[in-house]
Amino acid sequence: MDKLRRGRMKDPVEGEFTVASADHYVTAHMDYVMAFRVDGVVTAPGVPPTPVRRDPVTVRREDWIQVGQVFPATVDRADPKRAVIAFPVVENAGHSSSESRRAAEGLARQMASEQEKPSS
């Protein structure tokens, strides 16, 4: 999605995003994934400092986002709020697609067997 978004920028330039606030909230997978609402400022050559919010930003628990952190960003000089920020990436909430598929198949088998049981 980031490549697509960068492709739509009229005048992209490399810059930075500085975190001003990062509020985490409860997720279904809190043991290894955190979701944040992040407010900060993008800066880049020829671009005035621009406030930007990203919500949700999903990261691994060990990549906890903190105030003052700086992340690389690609900023559209024509519309700085459209910045693409390089937050740490979480692939499929910590599971490979084959693990997720196996889990779904197992759950489907379990649900099917429960439906087949005669009611007492």
Protein backbone atom coordinates (compact mmCIF):
# COMPACT_ATOMS: atom_id res chain seq x y z
CA MET A 1 0.00 0.00 0.00
CA ASP A 2 2.86 2.38 0.74
CA LYS A 3 4.26 1.99 -2.78
CA LEU A 4 0.81 2.72 -4.17
CA ARG A 5 0.41 5.77 -1.96
CA ARG A 6 3.90 7.07 -2.91
CA GLY A 7 3.02 6.61 -6.57
CA ARG A 8 0.07 8.97 -6.18
CA MET A 9 2.14 11.78 -4.67
CA LYS A 10 2.57 14.82 -6.90
CA ASP A 11 5.92 15.93 -5.46
CA PRO A 12 7.41 13.30 -3.08
CA VAL A 13 10.45 14.08 -0.95
CA GLU A 14 12.20 12.08 1.77
CA GLY A 15 11.73 13.47 5.28
CA GLU A 16 10.97 12.49 8.86
CA PHE A 17 8.05 11.96 11.21
CA THR A 18 8.62 12.88 14.86
CA VAL A 19 6.21 11.35 17.40
CA ALA A 20 4.45 13.93 19.60
CA SER A 21 2.04 11.49 21.29
CA ALA A 22 1.40 7.76 21.07
CA ASP A 23 -1.65 6.29 22.77
CA HIS A 24 -1.93 2.52 22.75
CA TYR A 25 -5.22 0.70 23.06
CA VAL A 26 -6.30 -2.86 23.69
CA THR A 27 -6.05 -5.33 20.83
CA ALA A 28 -7.02 -8.97 20.54
CA HIS A 29 -3.34 -9.98 20.34
CA MET A 30 -1.87 -7.74 23.07
CA ASP A 31 0.70 -10.37 24.02
CA TYR A 32 2.69 -9.62 20.85
CA VAL A 33 0.98 -6.80 18.89
CA MET A 34 0.07 -3.27 19.97
CA ALA A 35 -2.14 -0.72 18.24
CA PHE A 36 -1.47 2.98 18.62
CA ARG A 37 -3.02 6.30 17.71
CA VAL A 38 0.05 8.36 16.83
CA ASP A 39 0.24 12.14 16.46
CA GLY A 40 3.39 13.80 15.25
CA VAL A 41 4.99 16.21 12.84
CA VAL A 42 6.35 15.52 9.36
CA THR A 43 9.29 17.56 8.15
CA ALA A 44 11.10 17.52 4.82
CA PRO A 45 13.04 19.92 2.60
CA GLY A 46 10.67 22.55 1.23
CA VAL A 47 7.81 21.44 3.50
CA PRO A 48 6.67 23.38 6.56
CA PRO A 49 6.38 21.24 9.73
CA THR A 50 2.96 19.62 9.40
CA PRO A 51 0.95 17.83 12.12
CA VAL A 52 -0.16 14.33 11.09
CA ARG A 53 -2.21 11.60 12.82
CA ARG A 54 -2.03 7.90 12.03
CA ASP A 55 -4.58 5.51 13.55
CA PRO A 56 -4.21 2.62 13.91
CA VAL A 57 -0.49 1.97 13.78
CA THR A 58 0.08 -1.70 14.56
CA VAL A 59 3.52 -2.75 15.80
CA ARG A 60 5.12 -5.68 17.60
CA ARG A 61 5.14 -5.28 21.36
CA GLU A 62 8.93 -4.84 21.38
CA ASP A 63 8.59 -1.95 18.88
CA TRP A 64 6.51 0.15 21.31
CA ILE A 65 6.16 3.67 19.90
CA GLN A 66 7.38 6.46 22.18
CA VAL A 67 7.21 10.24 22.21
CA GLY A 68 10.27 11.72 20.54
CA GLN A 69 10.94 8.78 18.24
CA VAL A 70 11.76 9.71 14.66
CA PHE A 71 10.76 7.57 11.68
CA PRO A 72 11.65 8.00 8.00
CA ALA A 73 8.81 9.35 5.88
CA THR A 74 8.07 10.14 2.28
CA VAL A 75 6.23 13.46 2.23
CA ASP A 76 4.15 14.93 -0.60
CA ARG A 77 5.15 18.60 -0.88
CA ALA A 78 1.74 19.25 -2.47
CA ASP A 79 -0.09 17.70 0.52
CA PRO A 80 2.19 16.91 3.50
CA LYS A 81 -0.64 15.20 5.43
CA ARG A 82 -0.41 12.38 2.86
CA ALA A 83 3.00 11.35 4.18
CA VAL A 84 3.94 7.67 4.12
CA ILE A 85 5.63 6.91 7.44
CA ALA A 86 7.96 3.93 7.81
CA PHE A 87 6.71 2.48 11.09
CA PRO A 88 7.99 -1.02 11.98
CA VAL A 89 5.99 -3.58 10.01
CA VAL A 90 3.94 -6.36 11.56
CA GLU A 91 3.39 -9.17 9.11
CA ASN A 92 -0.06 -10.68 9.58
CA ALA A 93 -0.18 -9.96 13.33
CA GLY A 94 2.79 -12.19 14.08
CA HIS A 95 1.63 -15.28 12.22
CA SER A 96 2.64 -16.59 8.83
CA SER A 97 -0.17 -16.99 6.32
CA SER A 98 0.21 -20.78 6.48
CA GLU A 99 -0.15 -20.70 10.30
CA SER A 100 -3.25 -18.52 9.97
CA ARG A 101 -4.71 -20.79 7.30
CA ARG A 102 -4.06 -23.92 9.44
CA ALA A 103 -5.68 -22.24 12.45
CA ALA A 104 -8.76 -21.34 10.40
CA GLU A 105 -8.99 -24.86 8.94
CA GLY A 106 -8.71 -26.39 12.42
CA LEU A 107 -11.42 -24.12 13.78
CA ALA A 108 -13.67 -24.95 10.82
CA ARG A 109 -13.21 -28.71 11.48
CA GLN A 110 -13.97 -28.22 15.17
CA MET A 111 -17.12 -26.21 14.44
CA ALA A 112 -18.28 -28.76 11.85
CA SER A 113 -17.82 -31.67 14.29
CA GLU A 114 -19.79 -29.79 16.96
CA GLN A 115 -22.67 -29.28 14.53
CA GLU A 116 -22.69 -32.99 13.65
CA LYS A 117 -23.13 -34.09 17.30
CA PRO A 118 -26.73 -35.10 18.01
CA SER A 119 -28.52 -32.97 20.59
CA SER A 120 -29.49 -34.68 23.82
